[in-house]
């Protein structure tokens, strides 16, 4: 889908030009807040199962694992995800697609579910919208890993397969718009 890549390039360049200064400021504050580099890199599984480094703004203190109030603010509004505009620009991600996961999930899919590896991971998806507060949901569980592996992850696979079967530029624009409204709506509720 050349049109999808063209849209990703156009939107990521525009986003970086408009928000680059903002990303630098919140990254600088994050480095002060966490006493560490403001950018966090982590290996995630990408298209065709190929690992890549995802960029995020650091929200946790590396030694304690404690999420600061500043980090919580960044996470609530998904501002910690803004550096992924770079991942989109260089072609590792797209604006819309399954959220990239750590090794041990998408790379272990079997059968029809492996179709998801054909897709570039995305900044937003219907699964990401449904589980917008995934961390809060997991904290409430007696066994968060088991709940993720047996409930959340299979549901995400189902939602992402639905996207796979119905993907189009029109669908991408719809999902992206819904994501933007969700983030903006959170801002007005607080």
Protein backbone atom coordinates (compact mmCIF):
# COMPACT_ATOMS: atom_id res chain seq x y z
CA UNK A 1 0.00 0.00 0.00
CA UNK A 2 2.03 2.89 -1.33
CA UNK A 3 -0.67 5.38 -0.41
CA UNK A 4 -0.51 4.26 3.25
CA UNK A 5 3.27 4.74 3.29
CA UNK A 6 2.90 8.15 1.64
CA UNK A 7 0.37 9.17 4.30
CA UNK A 8 2.67 7.87 7.06
CA UNK A 9 5.59 9.85 5.64
CA UNK A 10 3.54 13.02 5.20
CA UNK A 11 1.95 12.86 8.66
CA UNK A 12 5.17 11.91 10.47
CA UNK A 13 7.17 14.69 8.83
CA UNK A 14 4.38 17.18 9.54
CA UNK A 15 4.09 15.93 13.12
CA UNK A 16 7.82 16.20 13.72
CA UNK A 17 7.97 19.69 12.21
CA UNK A 18 5.02 20.91 14.28
CA UNK A 19 5.72 19.02 17.50
CA UNK A 20 9.49 18.54 17.44
CA UNK A 21 10.08 21.43 19.84
CA UNK A 22 7.40 20.06 22.19
CA UNK A 23 8.90 16.55 22.08
CA UNK A 24 12.32 17.99 22.95
CA UNK A 25 10.91 19.95 25.91
CA UNK A 26 8.96 17.04 27.42
CA UNK A 27 11.96 14.75 26.84
CA UNK A 28 14.23 17.20 28.64
CA UNK A 29 11.78 17.39 31.58
CA UNK A 30 11.58 13.58 31.61
CA UNK A 31 15.37 13.34 31.85
CA UNK A 32 15.34 15.65 34.88
CA UNK A 33 12.35 13.84 36.39
CA UNK A 34 13.90 10.36 36.06
CA UNK A 35 17.59 11.32 36.48
CA UNK A 36 18.24 9.39 33.29
CA UNK A 37 18.13 9.81 29.52
CA UNK A 38 14.71 11.16 28.55
CA UNK A 39 14.28 8.72 25.67
CA UNK A 40 13.55 5.08 26.41
CA UNK A 41 14.35 2.46 23.76
CA UNK A 42 12.98 -1.06 23.86
CA UNK A 43 13.08 -3.96 21.42
CA UNK A 44 9.67 -4.77 19.98
CA UNK A 45 8.51 -7.17 17.29
CA UNK A 46 7.79 -5.51 13.97
CA UNK A 47 6.57 -6.46 10.52
CA UNK A 48 7.41 -10.04 9.50
CA UNK A 49 8.55 -10.72 13.07
CA UNK A 50 11.61 -8.51 12.69
CA UNK A 51 12.76 -6.88 15.96
CA UNK A 52 13.21 -3.10 16.06
CA UNK A 53 13.87 -0.42 18.67
CA UNK A 54 10.80 1.58 19.64
CA UNK A 55 11.25 5.09 21.02
CA UNK A 56 9.28 6.46 23.94
CA UNK A 57 9.71 9.23 26.46
CA UNK A 58 10.92 7.78 29.75
CA UNK A 59 8.21 7.79 32.42
CA UNK A 60 9.77 5.46 35.01
CA UNK A 61 12.70 5.86 37.32
CA UNK A 62 15.05 3.12 36.05
CA UNK A 63 16.25 1.93 39.47
CA UNK A 64 12.96 1.89 41.37
CA UNK A 65 10.52 1.20 38.54
CA UNK A 66 8.40 3.98 40.03
CA UNK A 67 6.27 6.00 37.60
CA UNK A 68 6.43 9.65 38.56
CA UNK A 69 3.40 11.94 38.49
CA UNK A 70 4.93 13.60 35.42
CA UNK A 71 5.36 10.16 33.84
CA UNK A 72 1.76 9.27 34.68
CA UNK A 73 0.61 12.51 32.99
CA UNK A 74 2.61 11.63 29.86
CA UNK A 75 1.16 8.12 29.80
CA UNK A 76 -2.44 9.27 30.39
CA UNK A 77 -2.32 11.52 27.34
CA UNK A 78 -0.07 9.14 25.37
CA UNK A 79 2.53 11.89 25.05
CA UNK A 80 5.24 9.35 25.86
CA UNK A 81 4.47 7.78 22.46
CA UNK A 82 5.32 10.92 20.41
CA UNK A 83 8.92 9.84 19.62
CA UNK A 84 7.39 6.97 17.64
CA UNK A 85 6.90 9.53 14.88
CA UNK A 86 10.57 8.72 14.18
CA UNK A 87 9.75 4.99 13.96
CA UNK A 88 6.99 5.86 11.49
CA UNK A 89 9.26 8.16 9.48
CA UNK A 90 11.92 5.47 9.02
CA UNK A 91 9.31 2.87 8.07
CA UNK A 92 9.36 0.60 11.13
CA UNK A 93 5.83 1.56 12.13
CA UNK A 94 2.67 3.05 10.67
CA UNK A 95 0.11 5.38 12.20
CA UNK A 96 -2.47 2.56 12.24
CA UNK A 97 -1.76 -1.10 12.89
CA UNK A 98 -1.40 -3.55 15.77
CA UNK A 99 0.60 -2.04 18.63
CA UNK A 100 4.12 -3.53 18.68
CA UNK A 101 4.71 -5.96 21.52
CA UNK A 102 7.75 -7.39 23.23
CA UNK A 103 9.16 -10.74 22.11
CA UNK A 104 7.09 -13.72 23.15
CA UNK A 105 3.73 -12.56 21.83
CA UNK A 106 3.31 -11.64 18.15
CA UNK A 107 6.42 -13.58 17.16
CA UNK A 108 4.85 -16.74 18.66
CA UNK A 109 1.53 -16.51 16.83
CA UNK A 110 0.34 -19.67 15.10
CA UNK A 111 -1.87 -20.48 12.11
CA UNK A 112 -4.11 -17.72 10.73
CA UNK A 113 -3.02 -15.38 13.52
CA UNK A 114 0.43 -15.12 11.90
CA UNK A 115 -1.18 -12.92 9.23
CA UNK A 116 -0.77 -10.08 11.73
CA UNK A 117 2.99 -10.21 11.19
CA UNK A 118 2.40 -8.99 7.62
CA UNK A 119 1.26 -5.66 9.05
CA UNK A 120 3.50 -2.86 10.21
CA UNK A 121 2.94 -2.17 13.89
CA UNK A 122 0.98 1.01 14.50
CA UNK A 123 0.79 3.99 16.79
CA UNK A 124 -2.94 3.35 17.20
CA UNK A 125 -5.45 0.56 16.63
CA UNK A 126 -8.92 -0.44 17.74
CA UNK A 127 -7.30 -2.88 20.21
CA UNK A 128 -5.22 -0.03 21.67
CA UNK A 129 -8.38 2.05 22.00
CA UNK A 130 -10.28 -0.75 23.75
CA UNK A 131 -7.38 -1.28 26.16
CA UNK A 132 -6.45 2.37 26.53
CA UNK A 133 -6.14 1.89 30.31
CA UNK A 134 -4.58 -1.55 30.13
CA UNK A 135 -2.15 -0.87 32.99
CA UNK A 136 -4.99 0.05 35.37
CA UNK A 137 -6.94 -3.05 34.31
CA UNK A 138 -3.94 -5.33 34.90
CA UNK A 139 -3.20 -3.86 38.34
CA UNK A 140 -6.68 -4.97 39.46
CA UNK A 141 -5.99 -8.61 38.57
CA UNK A 142 -4.75 -11.23 40.98
CA UNK A 143 -2.43 -12.60 38.27
CA UNK A 144 -1.85 -9.80 35.72
CA UNK A 145 0.37 -11.85 33.37
CA UNK A 146 -2.13 -14.70 33.22
CA UNK A 147 -4.99 -12.24 32.64
CA UNK A 148 -3.05 -10.56 29.84
CA UNK A 149 -2.10 -13.87 28.21
CA UNK A 150 -5.55 -15.48 28.50
CA UNK A 151 -7.94 -12.51 28.12
CA UNK A 152 -6.41 -9.29 26.80
CA UNK A 153 -3.90 -10.61 24.26
CA UNK A 154 -6.35 -13.03 22.58
CA UNK A 155 -8.91 -10.21 22.35
CA UNK A 156 -6.28 -7.92 20.82
CA UNK A 157 -5.49 -10.62 18.26
CA UNK A 158 -9.18 -10.86 17.37
CA UNK A 159 -9.52 -7.08 16.99
CA UNK A 160 -6.31 -6.85 14.96
CA UNK A 161 -7.40 -9.70 12.66
CA UNK A 162 -10.63 -7.80 12.06
CA UNK A 163 -8.49 -4.81 11.07
CA UNK A 164 -6.34 -7.06 8.83
CA UNK A 165 -9.44 -8.29 6.99
CA UNK A 166 -10.94 -4.79 6.57
CA UNK A 167 -7.87 -2.58 6.22
CA UNK A 168 -8.03 0.34 3.84
CA UNK A 169 -6.99 3.99 3.79
CA UNK A 170 -10.56 4.90 4.76
CA UNK A 171 -10.43 2.53 7.76
CA UNK A 172 -7.01 3.87 8.79
CA UNK A 173 -8.31 7.44 8.72
CA UNK A 174 -11.35 6.40 10.78
CA UNK A 175 -9.22 4.66 13.43
CA UNK A 176 -6.70 7.51 13.56
CA UNK A 177 -9.52 10.06 13.96
CA UNK A 178 -11.12 8.03 16.75
CA UNK A 179 -7.72 7.86 18.52
CA UNK A 180 -7.26 11.63 18.27
CA UNK A 181 -10.75 12.26 19.64
CA UNK A 182 -10.10 9.82 22.51
CA UNK A 183 -6.92 11.67 23.50
CA UNK A 184 -8.56 15.09 23.15
CA UNK A 185 -11.63 13.93 25.07
CA UNK A 186 -9.40 12.88 27.98
CA UNK A 187 -8.00 16.40 28.08
CA UNK A 188 -11.46 17.94 28.40
CA UNK A 189 -12.56 15.51 31.13
CA UNK A 190 -9.76 16.44 33.52
